[in-house]
C-alpha atoms as a PDB file:
ATOM      1  CA  UNK A   1      99.862  -9.010  46.476  1.00  0.00           C
ATOM      2  CA  UNK A   2     103.210  -9.876  47.971  1.00  0.00           C
ATOM      3  CA  UNK A   3     105.004 -12.569  46.009  1.00  0.00           C
ATOM      4  CA  UNK A   4     108.379 -14.137  45.261  1.00  0.00           C
ATOM      5  CA  UNK A   5     109.133 -16.207  42.151  1.00  0.00           C
ATOM      6  CA  UNK A   6     111.998 -18.694  41.956  1.00  0.00           C
ATOM      7  CA  UNK A   7     112.305 -21.379  39.283  1.00  0.00           C
ATOM      8  CA  UNK A   8     108.977 -23.253  39.420  1.00  0.00           C
ATOM      9  CA  UNK A   9     107.802 -21.874  42.787  1.00  0.00           C
ATOM     10  CA  UNK A  10     105.649 -18.822  43.570  1.00  0.00           C
ATOM     11  CA  UNK A  11     105.301 -17.859  47.225  1.00  0.00           C
ATOM     12  CA  UNK A  12     102.519 -15.366  47.813  1.00  0.00           C
ATOM     13  CA  UNK A  13     100.347 -13.582  50.331  1.00  0.00           C
ATOM     14  CA  UNK A  14      97.206 -11.722  49.304  1.00  0.00           C
ATOM     15  CA  UNK A  15      96.662  -8.173  50.528  1.00  0.00           C
ATOM     16  CA  UNK A  16      93.318  -7.348  48.932  1.00  0.00           C
ATOM     17  CA  UNK A  17      90.327  -9.290  47.618  1.00  0.00           C
ATOM     18  CA  UNK A  18      91.257  -8.397  44.037  1.00  0.00           C
ATOM     19  CA  UNK A  19      94.482 -10.416  44.401  1.00  0.00           C
ATOM     20  CA  UNK A  20      92.321 -13.539  44.359  1.00  0.00           C
ATOM     21  CA  UNK A  21      91.465 -12.917  40.710  1.00  0.00           C
ATOM     22  CA  UNK A  22      95.151 -12.808  39.787  1.00  0.00           C
ATOM     23  CA  UNK A  23      95.657 -16.162  41.534  1.00  0.00           C
ATOM     24  CA  UNK A  24      92.625 -17.559  39.710  1.00  0.00           C
ATOM     25  CA  UNK A  25      94.375 -16.769  36.429  1.00  0.00           C
ATOM     26  CA  UNK A  26      97.779 -18.112  37.497  1.00  0.00           C
ATOM     27  CA  UNK A  27      96.855 -21.362  39.294  1.00  0.00           C
ATOM     28  CA  UNK A  28      96.265 -24.351  36.973  1.00  0.00           C
ATOM     29  CA  UNK A  29      94.951 -27.862  37.390  1.00  0.00           C
ATOM     30  CA  UNK A  30      97.787 -30.173  38.460  1.00  0.00           C
ATOM     31  CA  UNK A  31      99.668 -27.460  40.367  1.00  0.00           C
ATOM     32  CA  UNK A  32     100.625 -28.080  43.996  1.00  0.00           C
ATOM     33  CA  UNK A  33      99.536 -25.634  46.677  1.00  0.00           C
ATOM     34  CA  UNK A  34     101.066 -25.667  50.177  1.00  0.00           C
ATOM     35  CA  UNK A  35      99.383 -23.840  53.036  1.00  0.00           C
ATOM     36  CA  UNK A  36      97.557 -23.867  56.341  1.00  0.00           C
ATOM     37  CA  UNK A  37      93.978 -25.069  56.431  1.00  0.00           C
ATOM     38  CA  UNK A  38      91.397 -26.485  58.844  1.00  0.00           C
ATOM     39  CA  UNK A  39      90.233 -30.107  58.805  1.00  0.00           C
ATOM     40  CA  UNK A  40      87.964 -32.087  61.104  1.00  0.00           C
ATOM     41  CA  UNK A  41      89.935 -34.635  63.153  1.00  0.00           C
ATOM     42  CA  UNK A  42      88.184 -37.667  64.690  1.00  0.00           C
ATOM     43  CA  UNK A  43      89.835 -39.985  67.198  1.00  0.00           C
ATOM     44  CA  UNK A  44      86.983 -42.489  66.876  1.00  0.00           C
ATOM     45  CA  UNK A  45      84.773 -43.289  63.912  1.00  0.00           C
ATOM     46  CA  UNK A  46      81.380 -42.192  65.229  1.00  0.00           C
ATOM     47  CA  UNK A  47      82.249 -39.402  67.645  1.00  0.00           C
ATOM     48  CA  UNK A  48      82.125 -35.720  66.792  1.00  0.00           C
ATOM     49  CA  UNK A  49      85.429 -34.481  65.443  1.00  0.00           C
ATOM     50  CA  UNK A  50      87.525 -31.485  66.462  1.00  0.00           C
ATOM     51  CA  UNK A  51      88.617 -28.964  63.851  1.00  0.00           C
ATOM     52  CA  UNK A  52      92.409 -28.837  63.648  1.00  0.00           C
ATOM     53  CA  UNK A  53      94.676 -26.367  61.899  1.00  0.00           C
ATOM     54  CA  UNK A  54      97.150 -28.266  59.722  1.00  0.00           C
ATOM     55  CA  UNK A  55      99.720 -27.593  56.989  1.00  0.00           C
ATOM     56  CA  UNK A  56      99.114 -29.623  53.828  1.00  0.00           C
ATOM     57  CA  UNK A  57     100.048 -29.994  50.183  1.00  0.00           C
ATOM     58  CA  UNK A  58      97.122 -30.173  47.775  1.00  0.00           C
ATOM     59  CA  UNK A  59      97.189 -31.181  44.098  1.00  0.00           C
ATOM     60  CA  UNK A  60      94.802 -28.772  42.386  1.00  0.00           C
ATOM     61  CA  UNK A  61      91.760 -30.205  40.609  1.00  0.00           C
ATOM     62  CA  UNK A  62      89.544 -27.133  40.251  1.00  0.00           C
ATOM     63  CA  UNK A  63      89.050 -23.575  41.463  1.00  0.00           C
ATOM     64  CA  UNK A  64      85.955 -21.632  42.500  1.00  0.00           C
ATOM     65  CA  UNK A  65      86.318 -17.862  42.291  1.00  0.00           C
ATOM     66  CA  UNK A  66      83.569 -15.479  43.425  1.00  0.00           C
ATOM     67  CA  UNK A  67      84.289 -11.796  42.783  1.00  0.00           C
ATOM     68  CA  UNK A  68      81.695 -10.175  45.026  1.00  0.00           C
ATOM     69  CA  UNK A  69      82.001 -12.704  47.839  1.00  0.00           C
ATOM     70  CA  UNK A  70      85.739 -12.106  47.733  1.00  0.00           C
ATOM     71  CA  UNK A  71      86.666 -15.790  47.889  1.00  0.00           C
ATOM     72  CA  UNK A  72      88.890 -18.269  46.052  1.00  0.00           C
ATOM     73  CA  UNK A  73      88.436 -21.915  46.954  1.00  0.00           C
ATOM     74  CA  UNK A  74      90.933 -24.496  45.676  1.00  0.00           C
ATOM     75  CA  UNK A  75      89.745 -28.097  45.616  1.00  0.00           C
ATOM     76  CA  UNK A  76      92.058 -31.050  45.179  1.00  0.00           C
ATOM     77  CA  UNK A  77      93.670 -34.167  46.617  1.00  0.00           C
ATOM     78  CA  UNK A  78      95.879 -34.077  49.710  1.00  0.00           C
ATOM     79  CA  UNK A  79      99.415 -35.306  48.978  1.00  0.00           C
ATOM     80  CA  UNK A  80     101.176 -34.284  52.202  1.00  0.00           C
ATOM     81  CA  UNK A  81      99.875 -33.803  55.753  1.00  0.00           C
ATOM     82  CA  UNK A  82     101.018 -34.258  59.383  1.00  0.00           C
ATOM     83  CA  UNK A  83     101.882 -37.879  60.258  1.00  0.00           C
ATOM     84  CA  UNK A  84      99.532 -37.904  63.252  1.00  0.00           C
ATOM     85  CA  UNK A  85      96.518 -37.244  60.984  1.00  0.00           C
ATOM     86  CA  UNK A  86      95.851 -40.834  59.838  1.00  0.00           C
ATOM     87  CA  UNK A  87      93.943 -41.578  56.652  1.00  0.00           C
ATOM     88  CA  UNK A  88      94.042 -38.073  55.228  1.00  0.00           C
ATOM     89  CA  UNK A  89      96.502 -38.656  52.369  1.00  0.00           C
ATOM     90  CA  UNK A  90      94.657 -39.163  49.089  1.00  0.00           C
ATOM     91  CA  UNK A  91      91.409 -37.640  50.313  1.00  0.00           C
ATOM     92  CA  UNK A  92      89.770 -34.568  48.826  1.00  0.00           C
ATOM     93  CA  UNK A  93      89.957 -31.210  50.542  1.00  0.00           C
ATOM     94  CA  UNK A  94      89.266 -27.548  49.822  1.00  0.00           C
ATOM     95  CA  UNK A  95      91.577 -24.705  50.774  1.00  0.00           C
ATOM     96  CA  UNK A  96      90.108 -21.207  50.930  1.00  0.00           C
ATOM     97  CA  UNK A  97      92.766 -18.564  50.291  1.00  0.00           C
ATOM     98  CA  UNK A  98      92.686 -15.943  53.040  1.00  0.00           C
ATOM     99  CA  UNK A  99      94.460 -12.672  53.686  1.00  0.00           C
ATOM    100  CA  UNK A 100      97.574 -12.635  55.862  1.00  0.00           C
ATOM    101  CA  UNK A 101      98.545 -16.283  55.240  1.00  0.00           C
ATOM    102  CA  UNK A 102     101.586 -17.191  53.135  1.00  0.00           C
ATOM    103  CA  UNK A 103     101.103 -19.926  50.538  1.00  0.00           C
ATOM    104  CA  UNK A 104     103.483 -21.797  48.260  1.00  0.00           C
ATOM    105  CA  UNK A 105     102.492 -22.656  44.688  1.00  0.00           C
ATOM    106  CA  UNK A 106     104.573 -25.225  42.797  1.00  0.00           C
ATOM    107  CA  UNK A 107     104.133 -25.512  39.016  1.00  0.00           C
ATOM    108  CA  UNK A 108     105.807 -27.754  36.437  1.00  0.00           C
ATOM    109  CA  UNK A 109     107.349 -24.592  35.027  1.00  0.00           C
ATOM    110  CA  UNK A 110     106.914 -20.894  35.640  1.00  0.00           C
ATOM    111  CA  UNK A 111     107.070 -18.335  32.826  1.00  0.00           C
ATOM    112  CA  UNK A 112     108.239 -15.442  34.988  1.00  0.00           C
ATOM    113  CA  UNK A 113     107.617 -12.783  32.329  1.00  0.00           C
ATOM    114  CA  UNK A 114     104.124 -14.129  31.725  1.00  0.00           C
ATOM    115  CA  UNK A 115     103.294 -14.025  35.460  1.00  0.00           C
ATOM    116  CA  UNK A 116     104.647 -10.490  35.775  1.00  0.00           C
ATOM    117  CA  UNK A 117     102.524  -9.380  32.821  1.00  0.00           C
ATOM    118  CA  UNK A 118      99.388 -10.753  34.487  1.00  0.00           C
ATOM    119  CA  UNK A 119     100.303  -8.990  37.738  1.00  0.00           C
ATOM    120  CA  UNK A 120     100.988  -5.696  35.971  1.00  0.00           C
ATOM    121  CA  UNK A 121      97.812  -5.944  33.912  1.00  0.00           C
ATOM    122  CA  UNK A 122      95.574  -6.116  36.964  1.00  0.00           C
ATOM    123  CA  UNK A 123      97.422  -3.632  39.157  1.00  0.00           C
ATOM    124  CA  UNK A 124      95.114  -0.834  37.899  1.00  0.00           C
ATOM    125  CA  UNK A 125      92.116  -2.763  39.139  1.00  0.00           C
ATOM    126  CA  UNK A 126      93.340  -2.521  42.723  1.00  0.00           C
ATOM    127  CA  UNK A 127      92.055   1.003  43.240  1.00  0.00           C
ATOM    128  CA  UNK A 128      88.888   1.288  45.299  1.00  0.00           C
ATOM    129  CA  UNK A 129      86.564   4.244  45.597  1.00  0.00           C
ATOM    130  CA  UNK A 130      84.145   5.129  48.352  1.00  0.00           C
ATOM    131  CA  UNK A 131      80.985   6.533  46.742  1.00  0.00           C
ATOM    132  CA  UNK A 132      78.647   8.745  48.754  1.00  0.00           C
ATOM    133  CA  UNK A 133      75.541   9.467  46.677  1.00  0.00           C
ATOM    134  CA  UNK A 134      73.670  12.247  48.494  1.00  0.00           C
ATOM    135  CA  UNK A 135      69.960  12.850  47.876  1.00  0.00           C
ATOM    136  CA  UNK A 136      67.329  14.984  49.607  1.00  0.00           C
ATOM    137  CA  UNK A 137      65.767  12.033  51.400  1.00  0.00           C
ATOM    138  CA  UNK A 138      68.404   9.319  51.273  1.00  0.00           C
ATOM    139  CA  UNK A 139      72.162   8.877  50.889  1.00  0.00           C
ATOM    140  CA  UNK A 140      73.614   5.627  49.547  1.00  0.00           C
ATOM    141  CA  UNK A 141      77.112   4.552  50.575  1.00  0.00           C
ATOM    142  CA  UNK A 142      78.909   2.146  48.235  1.00  0.00           C
ATOM    143  CA  UNK A 143      82.352   0.833  47.352  1.00  0.00           C
ATOM    144  CA  UNK A 144      83.478   0.675  43.707  1.00  0.00           C
ATOM    145  CA  UNK A 145      85.738  -2.358  43.258  1.00  0.00           C
ATOM    146  CA  UNK A 146      87.445  -4.019  40.338  1.00  0.00           C
ATOM    147  CA  UNK A 147      84.333  -5.871  39.118  1.00  0.00           C
ATOM    148  CA  UNK A 148      81.591  -3.456  40.024  1.00  0.00           C
ATOM    149  CA  UNK A 149      79.908  -1.497  42.780  1.00  0.00           C
ATOM    150  CA  UNK A 150      78.958  -3.005  46.147  1.00  0.00           C
ATOM    151  CA  UNK A 151      76.179  -1.180  48.014  1.00  0.00           C
ATOM    152  CA  UNK A 152      77.098  -0.876  51.705  1.00  0.00           C
ATOM    153  CA  UNK A 153      74.104   0.904  53.259  1.00  0.00           C
ATOM    154  CA  UNK A 154      71.660   3.803  52.958  1.00  0.00           C
ATOM    155  CA  UNK A 155      71.134   6.657  55.416  1.00  0.00           C
ATOM    156  CA  UNK A 156      67.721   8.326  55.672  1.00  0.00           C
ATOM    157  CA  UNK A 157      67.312  12.083  56.159  1.00  0.00           C
ATOM    158  CA  UNK A 158      65.638  12.341  59.583  1.00  0.00           C
ATOM    159  CA  UNK A 159      65.559  16.126  59.585  1.00  0.00           C
ATOM    160  CA  UNK A 160      63.677  16.979  56.389  1.00  0.00           C
ATOM    161  CA  UNK A 161      60.425  18.928  56.688  1.00  0.00           C
ATOM    162  CA  UNK A 162      58.275  20.214  53.857  1.00  0.00           C
ATOM    163  CA  UNK A 163      57.906  23.706  55.385  1.00  0.00           C
ATOM    164  CA  UNK A 164      61.603  24.479  55.835  1.00  0.00           C
ATOM    165  CA  UNK A 165      62.778  27.904  54.630  1.00  0.00           C
ATOM    166  CA  UNK A 166      66.167  28.245  52.953  1.00  0.00           C
ATOM    167  CA  UNK A 167      68.155  28.841  56.160  1.00  0.00           C
ATOM    168  CA  UNK A 168      66.466  25.910  57.889  1.00  0.00           C
ATOM    169  CA  UNK A 169      67.160  23.716  54.866  1.00  0.00           C
ATOM    170  CA  UNK A 170      70.901  24.308  55.155  1.00  0.00           C
ATOM    171  CA  UNK A 171      70.863  23.452  58.868  1.00  0.00           C
ATOM    172  CA  UNK A 172      68.757  20.324  58.263  1.00  0.00           C
ATOM    173  CA  UNK A 173      71.000  19.081  55.458  1.00  0.00           C
ATOM    174  CA  UNK A 174      74.144  19.686  57.493  1.00  0.00           C
ATOM    175  CA  UNK A 175      72.756  17.588  60.369  1.00  0.00           C
ATOM    176  CA  UNK A 176      71.819  14.944  57.812  1.00  0.00           C
ATOM    177  CA  UNK A 177      75.325  14.730  56.281  1.00  0.00           C
ATOM    178  CA  UNK A 178      76.849  14.552  59.774  1.00  0.00           C
ATOM    179  CA  UNK A 179      74.808  11.347  60.207  1.00  0.00           C
ATOM    180  CA  UNK A 180      76.126  10.162  56.855  1.00  0.00           C
ATOM    181  CA  UNK A 181      79.747  10.928  57.798  1.00  0.00           C
ATOM    182  CA  UNK A 182      79.336   9.086  61.103  1.00  0.00           C
ATOM    183  CA  UNK A 183      78.051   5.989  59.281  1.00  0.00           C
ATOM    184  CA  UNK A 184      80.951   6.137  56.841  1.00  0.00           C
ATOM    185  CA  UNK A 185      83.539   6.389  59.631  1.00  0.00           C
ATOM    186  CA  UNK A 186      81.926   3.477  61.483  1.00  0.00           C
ATOM    187  CA  UNK A 187      81.747   1.173  58.464  1.00  0.00           C
ATOM    188  CA  UNK A 188      84.760   2.019  56.278  1.00  0.00           C
ATOM    189  CA  UNK A 189      88.448   1.869  57.197  1.00  0.00           C
ATOM    190  CA  UNK A 190      90.844   4.313  55.482  1.00  0.00           C
ATOM    191  CA  UNK A 191      93.066   1.479  54.216  1.00  0.00           C
ATOM    192  CA  UNK A 192      90.093  -0.047  52.367  1.00  0.00           C
ATOM    193  CA  UNK A 193      89.754   2.836  49.883  1.00  0.00           C
ATOM    194  CA  UNK A 194      91.989   4.888  47.598  1.00  0.00           C
ATOM    195  CA  UNK A 195      89.685   7.759  46.694  1.00  0.00           C
ATOM    196  CA  UNK A 196      86.300   9.249  47.560  1.00  0.00           C
ATOM    197  CA  UNK A 197      83.517  10.303  45.187  1.00  0.00           C
ATOM    198  CA  UNK A 198      80.793  12.589  46.537  1.00  0.00           C
ATOM    199  CA  UNK A 199      77.888  12.647  44.077  1.00  0.00           C
ATOM    200  CA  UNK A 200      74.391  14.054  43.942  1.00  0.00           C
ATOM    201  CA  UNK A 201      72.213  16.927  42.678  1.00  0.00           C
ATOM    202  CA  UNK A 202      73.815  20.364  42.766  1.00  0.00           C
ATOM    203  CA  UNK A 203      70.828  21.733  44.706  1.00  0.00           C
ATOM    204  CA  UNK A 204      71.854  19.431  47.591  1.00  0.00           C
ATOM    205  CA  UNK A 205      75.645  19.356  47.266  1.00  0.00           C
ATOM    206  CA  UNK A 206      75.943  23.157  47.227  1.00  0.00           C
ATOM    207  CA  UNK A 207      74.638  23.112  50.788  1.00  0.00           C
ATOM    208  CA  UNK A 208      76.551  20.134  52.184  1.00  0.00           C
ATOM    209  CA  UNK A 209      79.673  19.295  50.172  1.00  0.00           C
ATOM    210  CA  UNK A 210      82.056  21.434  52.251  1.00  0.00           C
ATOM    211  CA  UNK A 211      80.756  19.985  55.527  1.00  0.00           C
ATOM    212  CA  UNK A 212      80.896  16.437  54.195  1.00  0.00           C
ATOM    213  CA  UNK A 213      84.408  16.812  52.738  1.00  0.00           C
ATOM    214  CA  UNK A 214      85.619  18.299  56.022  1.00  0.00           C
ATOM    215  CA  UNK A 215      84.183  15.332  57.944  1.00  0.00           C
ATOM    216  CA  UNK A 216      85.966  12.925  55.573  1.00  0.00           C
ATOM    217  CA  UNK A 217      89.436  14.447  56.040  1.00  0.00           C
ATOM    218  CA  UNK A 218      90.175  11.684  58.523  1.00  0.00           C
ATOM    219  CA  UNK A 219      90.463   9.300  55.547  1.00  0.00           C
ATOM    220  CA  UNK A 220      93.245  11.396  53.979  1.00  0.00           C
ATOM    221  CA  UNK A 221      92.081  10.437  50.484  1.00  0.00           C
ATOM    222  CA  UNK A 222      91.432  12.620  47.415  1.00  0.00           C
ATOM    223  CA  UNK A 223      87.787  13.670  47.048  1.00  0.00           C
ATOM    224  CA  UNK A 224      86.021  14.203  43.728  1.00  0.00           C
ATOM    225  CA  UNK A 225      82.619  15.919  43.500  1.00  0.00           C
ATOM    226  CA  UNK A 226      80.307  14.788  40.683  1.00  0.00           C
ATOM    227  CA  UNK A 227      76.995  16.557  39.986  1.00  0.00           C
ATOM    228  CA  UNK A 228      74.101  14.289  39.008  1.00  0.00           C
ATOM    229  CA  UNK A 229      70.367  14.698  38.558  1.00  0.00           C
ATOM    230  CA  UNK A 230      69.588  12.184  41.326  1.00  0.00           C
ATOM    231  CA  UNK A 231      71.084  11.092  44.641  1.00  0.00           C
ATOM    232  CA  UNK A 232      70.740   7.917  46.688  1.00  0.00           C
ATOM    233  CA  UNK A 233      70.632   4.559  44.911  1.00  0.00           C
ATOM    234  CA  UNK A 234      69.455   6.167  41.644  1.00  0.00           C
ATOM    235  CA  UNK A 235      72.579   8.344  41.759  1.00  0.00           C
ATOM    236  CA  UNK A 236      74.802   5.243  41.928  1.00  0.00           C
ATOM    237  CA  UNK A 237      73.295   3.927  38.691  1.00  0.00           C
ATOM    238  CA  UNK A 238      73.470   7.358  37.084  1.00  0.00           C
ATOM    239  CA  UNK A 239      77.139   7.676  38.034  1.00  0.00           C
ATOM    240  CA  UNK A 240      77.970   4.486  36.129  1.00  0.00           C
ATOM    241  CA  UNK A 241      76.050   5.527  33.008  1.00  0.00           C
ATOM    242  CA  UNK A 242      76.444   9.309  32.853  1.00  0.00           C
ATOM    243  CA  UNK A 243      79.860   9.911  34.431  1.00  0.00           C
ATOM    244  CA  UNK A 244      81.841   6.677  33.896  1.00  0.00           C
ATOM    245  CA  UNK A 245      85.123   8.617  33.711  1.00  0.00           C
ATOM    246  CA  UNK A 246      84.786   9.169  37.473  1.00  0.00           C
ATOM    247  CA  UNK A 247      85.045   5.400  37.941  1.00  0.00           C
ATOM    248  CA  UNK A 248      87.437   4.511  35.119  1.00  0.00           C
ATOM    249  CA  UNK A 249      90.423   4.118  37.459  1.00  0.00           C
ATOM    250  CA  UNK A 250      88.461   1.817  39.728  1.00  0.00           C
ATOM    251  CA  UNK A 251      86.128  -0.339  37.657  1.00  0.00           C
ATOM    252  CA  UNK A 252      87.529  -2.175  34.689  1.00  0.00           C
ATOM    253  CA  UNK A 253      85.913   0.142  32.161  1.00  0.00           C
ATOM    254  CA  UNK A 254      88.907   0.090  29.818  1.00  0.00           C
ATOM    255  CA  UNK A 255      87.938  -3.485  28.884  1.00  0.00           C
ATOM    256  CA  UNK A 256      84.450  -2.386  27.882  1.00  0.00           C
ATOM    257  CA  UNK A 257      85.994   0.357  25.731  1.00  0.00           C
ATOM    258  CA  UNK A 258      88.070  -2.199  23.783  1.00  0.00           C
ATOM    259  CA  UNK A 259      85.164  -4.632  23.345  1.00  0.00           C
ATOM    260  CA  UNK A 260      82.951  -1.821  22.085  1.00  0.00           C
ATOM    261  CA  UNK A 261      85.702  -0.844  19.640  1.00  0.00           C
ATOM    262  CA  UNK A 262      85.530  -4.406  18.230  1.00  0.00           C
ATOM    263  CA  UNK A 263      81.787  -4.036  17.664  1.00  0.00           C
ATOM    264  CA  UNK A 264      82.244  -0.554  16.200  1.00  0.00           C
ATOM    265  CA  UNK A 265      84.676  -1.853  13.593  1.00  0.00           C
ATOM    266  CA  UNK A 266      82.420  -4.790  12.733  1.00  0.00           C
ATOM    267  CA  UNK A 267      79.356  -2.560  12.334  1.00  0.00           C
ATOM    268  CA  UNK A 268      81.222  -0.272   9.920  1.00  0.00           C
ATOM    269  CA  UNK A 269      82.514  -3.203   7.887  1.00  0.00           C
ATOM    270  CA  UNK A 270      86.151  -2.612   8.770  1.00  0.00           C
ATOM    271  CA  UNK A 271      88.530  -5.511   8.267  1.00  0.00           C
ATOM    272  CA  UNK A 272      91.155  -4.573  10.854  1.00  0.00           C
ATOM    273  CA  UNK A 273      89.420  -6.757  13.432  1.00  0.00           C
ATOM    274  CA  UNK A 274      89.362 -10.514  14.096  1.00  0.00           C
ATOM    275  CA  UNK A 275      86.891 -12.598  16.093  1.00  0.00           C
ATOM    276  CA  UNK A 276      87.012 -16.233  17.206  1.00  0.00           C
ATOM    277  CA  UNK A 277      89.993 -18.473  17.869  1.00  0.00           C
ATOM    278  CA  UNK A 278      90.767 -19.302  14.232  1.00  0.00           C
ATOM    279  CA  UNK A 279      90.678 -15.744  12.892  1.00  0.00           C
ATOM    280  CA  UNK A 280      92.675 -14.403  15.820  1.00  0.00           C
ATOM    281  CA  UNK A 281      95.256 -17.200  15.520  1.00  0.00           C
ATOM    282  CA  UNK A 282      95.825 -16.312  11.835  1.00  0.00           C
ATOM    283  CA  UNK A 283      96.186 -12.642  12.701  1.00  0.00           C
ATOM    284  CA  UNK A 284      98.740 -13.492  15.397  1.00  0.00           C
ATOM    285  CA  UNK A 285     100.788 -15.567  12.944  1.00  0.00           C
ATOM    286  CA  UNK A 286     101.055 -12.483  10.710  1.00  0.00           C
ATOM    287  CA  UNK A 287     102.005 -10.211  13.614  1.00  0.00           C
ATOM    288  CA  UNK A 288      98.940  -8.064  12.944  1.00  0.00           C
ATOM    289  CA  UNK A 289      97.379  -8.036  16.437  1.00  0.00           C
ATOM    290  CA  UNK A 290      97.567  -4.757  18.294  1.00  0.00           C
ATOM    291  CA  UNK A 291      95.345  -5.831  21.209  1.00  0.00           C
ATOM    292  CA  UNK A 292      94.136  -9.330  22.067  1.00  0.00           C
ATOM    293  CA  UNK A 293      90.915  -9.693  24.073  1.00  0.00           C
ATOM    294  CA  UNK A 294      90.294 -13.010  25.838  1.00  0.00           C
ATOM    295  CA  UNK A 295      87.430 -13.973  28.147  1.00  0.00           C
ATOM    296  CA  UNK A 296      88.810 -15.235  31.445  1.00  0.00           C
ATOM    297  CA  UNK A 297      86.766 -18.456  31.123  1.00  0.00           C
ATOM    298  CA  UNK A 298      88.665 -19.262  27.908  1.00  0.00           C
ATOM    299  CA  UNK A 299      91.895 -18.351  29.624  1.00  0.00           C
ATOM    300  CA  UNK A 300      91.248 -21.066  32.224  1.00  0.00           C
ATOM    301  CA  UNK A 301      89.555 -23.704  30.064  1.00  0.00           C
ATOM    302  CA  UNK A 302      91.838 -23.570  27.013  1.00  0.00           C
ATOM    303  CA  UNK A 303      95.086 -22.953  28.857  1.00  0.00           C
ATOM    304  CA  UNK A 304      97.739 -24.309  26.464  1.00  0.00           C
ATOM    305  CA  UNK A 305      96.179 -22.862  23.311  1.00  0.00           C
ATOM    306  CA  UNK A 306      95.607 -19.470  24.924  1.00  0.00           C
ATOM    307  CA  UNK A 307      99.109 -19.316  26.411  1.00  0.00           C
ATOM    308  CA  UNK A 308     100.593 -20.063  22.982  1.00  0.00           C
ATOM    309  CA  UNK A 309      98.565 -17.172  21.587  1.00  0.00           C
ATOM    310  CA  UNK A 310      99.820 -14.895  24.364  1.00  0.00           C
ATOM    311  CA  UNK A 311     103.425 -15.940  23.680  1.00  0.00           C
ATOM    312  CA  UNK A 312     102.979 -14.997  20.008  1.00  0.00           C
ATOM    313  CA  UNK A 313     101.411 -11.709  21.061  1.00  0.00           C
ATOM    314  CA  UNK A 314     104.326 -10.863  23.375  1.00  0.00           C
ATOM    315  CA  UNK A 315     106.872 -11.616  20.631  1.00  0.00           C
ATOM    316  CA  UNK A 316     105.161  -9.150  18.275  1.00  0.00           C
ATOM    317  CA  UNK A 317     104.677  -6.386  20.843  1.00  0.00           C
ATOM    318  CA  UNK A 318     100.896  -6.598  21.126  1.00  0.00           C
ATOM    319  CA  UNK A 319      98.813  -5.828  24.219  1.00  0.00           C
ATOM    320  CA  UNK A 320      96.728  -8.335  26.179  1.00  0.00           C
ATOM    321  CA  UNK A 321      93.378  -7.705  27.882  1.00  0.00           C
ATOM    322  CA  UNK A 322      91.756 -10.499  29.895  1.00  0.00           C
ATOM    323  CA  UNK A 323      88.047  -9.716  30.228  1.00  0.00           C
ATOM    324  CA  UNK A 324      86.192 -11.029  33.303  1.00  0.00           C
ATOM    325  CA  UNK A 325      83.034 -12.924  32.347  1.00  0.00           C
ATOM    326  CA  UNK A 326      81.157 -11.314  35.254  1.00  0.00           C
ATOM    327  CA  UNK A 327      81.304  -7.841  33.661  1.00  0.00           C
ATOM    328  CA  UNK A 328      79.225  -6.226  30.900  1.00  0.00           C
ATOM    329  CA  UNK A 329      82.315  -6.330  28.676  1.00  0.00           C
ATOM    330  CA  UNK A 330      82.535 -10.073  29.315  1.00  0.00           C
ATOM    331  CA  UNK A 331      78.916 -10.634  28.323  1.00  0.00           C
ATOM    332  CA  UNK A 332      79.505  -8.843  25.017  1.00  0.00           C
ATOM    333  CA  UNK A 333      82.757 -10.665  24.275  1.00  0.00           C
ATOM    334  CA  UNK A 334      81.104 -14.004  25.022  1.00  0.00           C
ATOM    335  CA  UNK A 335      78.734 -13.299  22.131  1.00  0.00           C
ATOM    336  CA  UNK A 336      81.760 -13.146  19.804  1.00  0.00           C
ATOM    337  CA  UNK A 337      83.102 -16.502  20.932  1.00  0.00           C
ATOM    338  CA  UNK A 338      85.159 -15.193  23.838  1.00  0.00           C
ATOM    339  CA  UNK A 339      88.182 -14.126  21.768  1.00  0.00           C
ATOM    340  CA  UNK A 340      88.699 -11.052  19.584  1.00  0.00           C
ATOM    341  CA  UNK A 341      91.508  -8.815  18.409  1.00  0.00           C
ATOM    342  CA  UNK A 342      92.002  -5.232  17.273  1.00  0.00           C
ATOM    343  CA  UNK A 343      94.465  -5.335  14.385  1.00  0.00           C
ATOM    344  CA  UNK A 344      97.223  -2.943  13.347  1.00  0.00           C
ATOM    345  CA  UNK A 345      96.187  -3.307   9.710  1.00  0.00           C
ATOM    346  CA  UNK A 346      93.661  -5.204   7.619  1.00  0.00           C
ATOM    347  CA  UNK A 347      94.494  -8.788   6.669  1.00  0.00           C
ATOM    348  CA  UNK A 348      91.039  -9.778   5.340  1.00  0.00           C
ATOM    349  CA  UNK A 349      89.154  -8.941   2.201  1.00  0.00           C
END
């Protein structure tokens, strides 16, 4: 995300869908957002209106963020608009944040260090991986994003025959992966991905991996080969469960690791862990928190209290992890009240 911060103003332009999540965390109710939008304009009361592009100022009332749809919609009340657009001031409107448009966010005050920490925290989530899960009969093409894996399409093996000898099998599989590579080039742009993962059974990849990697050189991205027991859609699921390290730089798996550490300490009766707002607040007061875990829903709904906790954390040199509710880590943290902390030392009996 491109951005500039000055006093109480943040000017920004999103570059990738994941930037929308950062904005979701930074924009609060009552903020002012300036930007271009589209609104229906009617010259007469009962006639069909014409959609006009206008520049407005909106006072934020609520936000709707959808990770997999890649959208952030900001709903609020219009405070400023073109003079020729009568009757629009004071009405409700929704701005959808889109790529390539510059917006201006005005807040009562901007904690620059706090904003930078949020931006730095989510920079790792900006990596994207193209996954090509190759099976005998079917290859599944997917994109691993910050919040999970999006299935793009599947390619069927049109050349497979049951009577093929070994030499024929190699030729058939090579034709098959050429179809796969063609689909990938047609559907995926190089700038949309940062790395490529080719996965599948060794009995298949040993025949086709060199051909497939050669066909993907046009992307100029690093390629990692991962051997699995299955290919196709089953291979995608296996990749997440059996070889998560292959996706750790893409999906937000580090959050799941920290949440599972909380449960591990609780199961073994360790007291260097805190759960719930009250316990975590006491641990912060004592400077005992090494890592604070907060569900993003709490981050938005309990803004002042959470930001005070984060300020205490920053003063004592602790680390912050905001856990998206839409992930498996978020589901687990929600069961603990949405807030937990890994402590440097025990403060409880």
